[in-house]
Amino acid sequence: MRINRILLSAPLVVVALVIQVTMLARLQLPGAVPDLLLLVVLGLALVYGHVGGALVGFFAGLLADLAPPSDHAIGRYALVLCVIGYVAGLTKPDSGQHRSATLPLIVVLGAAVGSTLMYAGVGALVGDTAARHVGIVGLVLSATLYDLLLAPFTVPLVMALARRTEGDLLTGDGSSSTSGAGGSRDAGYGWLTTGTGLKASRGAMKSLRTGTGIGSQRGSLLGKSARDKVGRIKGVKRL
């Protein structure tokens, strides 16, 4: 990942995890806990694409696996968020920006359902049956509801911050390189629009091709020499 993406993703992931553990988990809401970390991963994946989304999701999930009071196998949530970030990043359009909020909303809806089912499925493989005792249907419905309520306040903000870093000229990605190339082309065109430099050279070359510049210069030189010659002759006669 590029350095600017790391500098943005790391604080956002840490802040989201702290808020989720210290505040959202203590609300004692029925069913699942609102997954703010998932929404941050989705917002970054929608801007960074599938590769960046997978990397952000993996490290965010691994941090959640290691953070207390985690009571599940390490790597379980990292796998879930890695897959979710990859799939969400696949929806990034070629233009780099979504034209409406419909697709991000669908991504949030699918990620809320998919992450809950994947987390419960991976838990069943490693012998964790807590989701079965709570009720998988209730977990899916509550997780989807909570994430959809938090998404309008989280995902657009994260996407806006990510786009600002993507637009930086020092990022070195496709969009910035395009803008840098455009800037260099504009600078080159600026040379042509000024009164010096290439414009003057172009005028000289044009004069050489048309012959008007040389003809006018020869005419002026011949006229000047003729006037000087006449002046000298008149001066001799006067003497």
Protein backbone atom coordinates (compact mmCIF):
# COMPACT_ATOMS: atom_id res chain seq x y z
CA MET A 1 0.00 0.00 0.00
CA ARG A 2 1.07 3.56 -0.58
CA ILE A 3 2.29 5.56 2.36
CA ASN A 4 -0.58 8.06 2.23
CA ARG A 5 -3.13 5.25 2.37
CA ILE A 6 -1.44 3.77 5.41
CA LEU A 7 -1.30 7.14 7.14
CA LEU A 8 -5.05 7.54 6.65
CA SER A 9 -6.21 3.96 7.16
CA ALA A 10 -4.30 3.27 10.38
CA PRO A 11 -5.80 6.14 12.44
CA LEU A 12 -9.29 5.52 11.10
CA VAL A 13 -9.13 1.81 11.95
CA VAL A 14 -7.77 2.46 15.44
CA VAL A 15 -10.36 5.14 16.21
CA ALA A 16 -13.20 2.97 14.89
CA LEU A 17 -12.04 0.00 16.96
CA VAL A 18 -11.72 2.08 20.14
CA ILE A 19 -15.21 3.55 19.68
CA GLN A 20 -16.66 0.13 18.96
CA VAL A 21 -15.08 -1.53 22.00
CA THR A 22 -15.49 1.26 24.55
CA MET A 23 -18.84 2.70 23.49
CA LEU A 24 -20.90 0.65 21.05
CA ALA A 25 -20.25 -2.67 22.76
CA ARG A 26 -21.49 -1.25 26.08
CA LEU A 27 -24.83 -0.04 24.77
CA GLN A 28 -26.35 -3.46 25.49
CA LEU A 29 -28.36 -3.41 22.28
CA PRO A 30 -30.36 -6.51 21.40
CA GLY A 31 -28.67 -8.86 18.96
CA ALA A 32 -25.36 -7.89 17.35
CA VAL A 33 -23.04 -5.02 18.16
CA PRO A 34 -22.89 -2.15 15.60
CA ASP A 35 -19.81 -2.82 13.51
CA LEU A 36 -18.15 0.56 13.01
CA LEU A 37 -14.90 -1.13 11.98
CA LEU A 38 -16.67 -2.86 9.11
CA LEU A 39 -18.06 0.46 7.84
CA VAL A 40 -14.60 2.07 7.88
CA VAL A 41 -13.19 -0.84 5.87
CA LEU A 42 -16.03 -0.54 3.38
CA GLY A 43 -15.53 3.21 2.95
CA LEU A 44 -11.82 2.73 2.26
CA ALA A 45 -12.40 -0.25 -0.05
CA LEU A 46 -14.89 1.69 -2.17
CA VAL A 47 -12.15 4.23 -2.94
CA TYR A 48 -8.96 2.12 -2.87
CA GLY A 49 -10.28 -0.84 -4.85
CA HIS A 50 -10.14 -4.57 -4.20
CA VAL A 51 -6.42 -4.85 -3.40
CA GLY A 52 -6.40 -1.93 -0.98
CA GLY A 53 -9.71 -3.05 0.50
CA ALA A 54 -8.40 -6.56 1.14
CA LEU A 55 -5.24 -5.27 2.83
CA VAL A 56 -7.10 -2.76 4.99
CA GLY A 57 -9.69 -5.38 5.90
CA PHE A 58 -7.08 -7.95 6.88
CA PHE A 59 -5.07 -5.67 9.16
CA ALA A 60 -8.21 -4.11 10.66
CA GLY A 61 -9.63 -7.56 11.41
CA LEU A 62 -6.32 -8.75 12.83
CA LEU A 63 -6.22 -5.74 15.13
CA ALA A 64 -9.75 -6.54 16.27
CA ASP A 65 -8.74 -10.16 16.89
CA LEU A 66 -5.85 -9.05 19.13
CA ALA A 67 -7.65 -6.23 20.93
CA PRO A 68 -9.25 -7.05 24.30
CA PRO A 69 -11.80 -8.27 25.25
CA SER A 70 -11.54 -10.55 22.19
CA ASP A 71 -12.52 -14.13 23.01
CA HIS A 72 -12.28 -15.82 19.60
CA ALA A 73 -9.50 -17.37 17.53
CA ILE A 74 -6.92 -14.98 16.16
CA GLY A 75 -7.37 -14.46 12.45
CA ARG A 76 -11.09 -15.18 12.39
CA TYR A 77 -12.27 -11.62 11.93
CA ALA A 78 -9.19 -10.81 9.81
CA LEU A 79 -10.33 -13.40 7.28
CA VAL A 80 -13.87 -12.05 7.26
CA LEU A 81 -12.88 -8.40 6.76
CA CYS A 82 -10.26 -9.33 4.17
CA VAL A 83 -12.88 -11.04 2.02
CA ILE A 84 -15.42 -8.26 2.60
CA GLY A 85 -12.88 -5.56 1.70
CA TYR A 86 -11.88 -7.39 -1.45
CA VAL A 87 -15.45 -7.88 -2.66
CA ALA A 88 -16.43 -4.30 -1.80
CA GLY A 89 -13.40 -2.98 -3.68
CA LEU A 90 -14.52 -4.79 -6.82
CA THR A 91 -17.48 -2.40 -7.05
CA LYS A 92 -15.18 0.60 -7.52
CA PRO A 93 -16.05 2.15 -10.92
CA ASP A 94 -13.45 2.87 -13.58
CA SER A 95 -13.93 6.61 -13.04
CA GLY A 96 -12.92 6.15 -9.41
CA GLN A 97 -16.06 7.77 -7.99
CA HIS A 98 -19.59 6.47 -7.52
CA ARG A 99 -22.26 8.56 -9.22
CA SER A 100 -24.93 7.82 -6.61
CA ALA A 101 -25.30 6.45 -3.11
CA THR A 102 -27.28 3.43 -4.28
CA LEU A 103 -24.33 1.13 -4.92
CA PRO A 104 -22.49 1.96 -1.65
CA LEU A 105 -25.74 1.36 0.22
CA ILE A 106 -26.13 -2.03 -1.43
CA VAL A 107 -22.51 -2.82 -0.56
CA VAL A 108 -23.14 -1.96 3.09
CA LEU A 109 -26.26 -4.11 3.12
CA GLY A 110 -24.48 -7.08 1.57
CA ALA A 111 -21.43 -6.65 3.79
CA ALA A 112 -23.53 -6.56 6.97
CA VAL A 113 -25.26 -9.81 6.03
CA GLY A 114 -22.16 -11.46 4.57
CA SER A 115 -19.81 -10.61 7.42
CA THR A 116 -22.24 -11.93 10.04
CA LEU A 117 -22.77 -15.19 8.16
CA MET A 118 -19.05 -15.61 7.45
CA TYR A 119 -18.13 -14.91 11.06
CA ALA A 120 -20.62 -17.46 12.30
CA GLY A 121 -19.51 -19.97 9.64
CA VAL A 122 -15.82 -19.66 10.49
CA GLY A 123 -16.73 -19.94 14.16
CA ALA A 124 -18.61 -23.17 13.50
CA LEU A 125 -15.53 -24.58 11.77
CA VAL A 126 -13.32 -23.89 14.78
CA GLY A 127 -15.91 -25.11 17.30
CA ASP A 128 -17.42 -21.77 18.38
CA THR A 129 -21.20 -22.28 18.64
CA ALA A 130 -22.08 -18.98 20.35
CA ALA A 131 -23.87 -17.65 17.28
CA ARG A 132 -26.03 -20.78 17.13
CA HIS A 133 -27.20 -20.29 20.73
CA VAL A 134 -27.98 -16.59 20.21
CA GLY A 135 -29.78 -17.15 16.91
CA ILE A 136 -28.22 -16.50 13.52
CA VAL A 137 -31.36 -14.87 12.12
CA GLY A 138 -31.54 -12.34 14.94
CA LEU A 139 -27.83 -11.56 14.57
CA VAL A 140 -28.15 -10.97 10.83
CA LEU A 141 -31.20 -8.73 11.16
CA SER A 142 -29.82 -6.67 14.03
CA ALA A 143 -26.37 -6.32 12.44
CA THR A 144 -27.92 -5.19 9.16
CA LEU A 145 -30.16 -2.65 10.90
CA TYR A 146 -27.40 -1.17 13.02
CA ASP A 147 -24.93 -0.94 10.14
CA LEU A 148 -27.47 0.71 7.86
CA LEU A 149 -28.23 3.29 10.54
CA LEU A 150 -24.54 4.10 11.05
CA ALA A 151 -23.56 3.99 7.37
CA PRO A 152 -24.83 7.49 6.32
CA PHE A 153 -22.71 9.06 9.07
CA THR A 154 -19.59 6.97 8.51
CA VAL A 155 -19.09 5.69 4.95
CA PRO A 156 -19.42 9.05 3.09
CA LEU A 157 -16.99 10.72 5.51
CA VAL A 158 -14.41 7.95 5.15
CA MET A 159 -14.77 7.97 1.35
CA ALA A 160 -14.31 11.75 1.24
CA LEU A 161 -11.12 11.54 3.31
CA ALA A 162 -9.81 8.72 1.13
CA ARG A 163 -10.49 10.67 -2.06
CA ARG A 164 -8.57 13.66 -0.70
CA THR A 165 -5.50 11.53 -0.15
CA GLU A 166 -5.93 9.90 -3.56
CA GLY A 167 -5.95 13.33 -5.19
CA ASP A 168 -2.61 14.32 -3.65
CA LEU A 169 0.13 14.75 -6.23
CA LEU A 170 2.59 12.85 -4.02
CA THR A 171 0.57 9.64 -3.97
CA GLY A 172 1.88 8.33 -7.27
CA ASP A 173 -1.36 6.53 -8.21
CA GLY A 174 -3.19 6.67 -11.51
CA SER A 175 -5.32 9.68 -10.77
CA SER A 176 -2.43 11.75 -9.43
CA SER A 177 -0.14 10.77 -12.27
CA THR A 178 -2.83 11.82 -14.68
CA SER A 179 -3.19 15.16 -13.01
CA GLY A 180 0.57 15.53 -12.91
CA ALA A 181 0.79 14.78 -16.60
CA GLY A 182 -1.99 17.26 -17.24
CA GLY A 183 -0.12 19.82 -15.19
CA SER A 184 3.04 19.27 -17.18
CA ARG A 185 1.09 19.53 -20.43
CA ASP A 186 -0.48 22.77 -19.23
CA ALA A 187 2.94 24.06 -18.35
CA GLY A 188 4.14 23.17 -21.81
CA TYR A 189 1.20 24.91 -23.38
CA GLY A 190 1.92 27.92 -21.21
CA TRP A 191 5.23 28.30 -22.98
CA LEU A 192 3.38 28.52 -26.28
CA THR A 193 0.93 31.11 -25.04
CA THR A 194 3.53 33.54 -23.72
CA GLY A 195 5.22 36.19 -25.81
CA THR A 196 8.65 34.56 -25.51
CA GLY A 197 10.23 31.17 -25.84
CA LEU A 198 8.67 28.72 -28.25
CA LYS A 199 6.20 31.23 -29.64
CA ALA A 200 9.01 33.49 -30.80
CA SER A 201 10.84 30.50 -32.26
CA ARG A 202 7.67 29.44 -34.04
CA GLY A 203 7.31 32.95 -35.51
CA ALA A 204 10.90 32.87 -36.74
CA MET A 205 10.42 29.48 -38.34
CA LYS A 206 7.22 30.68 -39.99
CA SER A 207 9.04 33.69 -41.38
CA LEU A 208 11.72 31.44 -42.79
CA ARG A 209 9.15 29.23 -44.48
CA THR A 210 7.16 32.07 -46.01
CA GLY A 211 10.18 34.15 -46.93
CA THR A 212 8.49 37.35 -45.80
CA GLY A 213 10.88 37.93 -42.95
CA ILE A 214 13.99 37.54 -45.11
CA GLY A 215 12.50 39.63 -47.94
CA SER A 216 11.61 42.46 -45.63
CA GLN A 217 15.02 42.36 -43.98
CA ARG A 218 16.78 42.35 -47.39
CA GLY A 219 14.59 45.24 -48.57
CA SER A 220 15.40 47.31 -45.52
CA LEU A 221 19.12 46.58 -45.81
CA LEU A 222 19.17 47.45 -49.53
CA GLY A 223 17.23 50.66 -48.93
CA LYS A 224 19.58 51.70 -46.17
CA SER A 225 22.71 50.98 -48.21
CA ALA A 226 21.27 52.89 -51.20
CA ARG A 227 20.49 55.92 -49.03
CA ASP A 228 23.98 55.88 -47.59
CA LYS A 229 25.53 55.62 -51.07
CA VAL A 230 23.48 58.56 -52.38
CA GLY A 231 24.46 60.60 -49.36
CA ARG A 232 28.13 59.97 -49.96
CA ILE A 233 27.84 60.87 -53.66
CA LYS A 234 25.99 64.10 -52.86
CA GLY A 235 28.64 64.96 -50.34
CA VAL A 236 31.40 64.54 -52.90
CA LYS A 237 29.65 66.71 -55.47
CA ARG A 238 29.13 69.45 -52.93
CA LEU A 239 32.82 69.46 -52.20
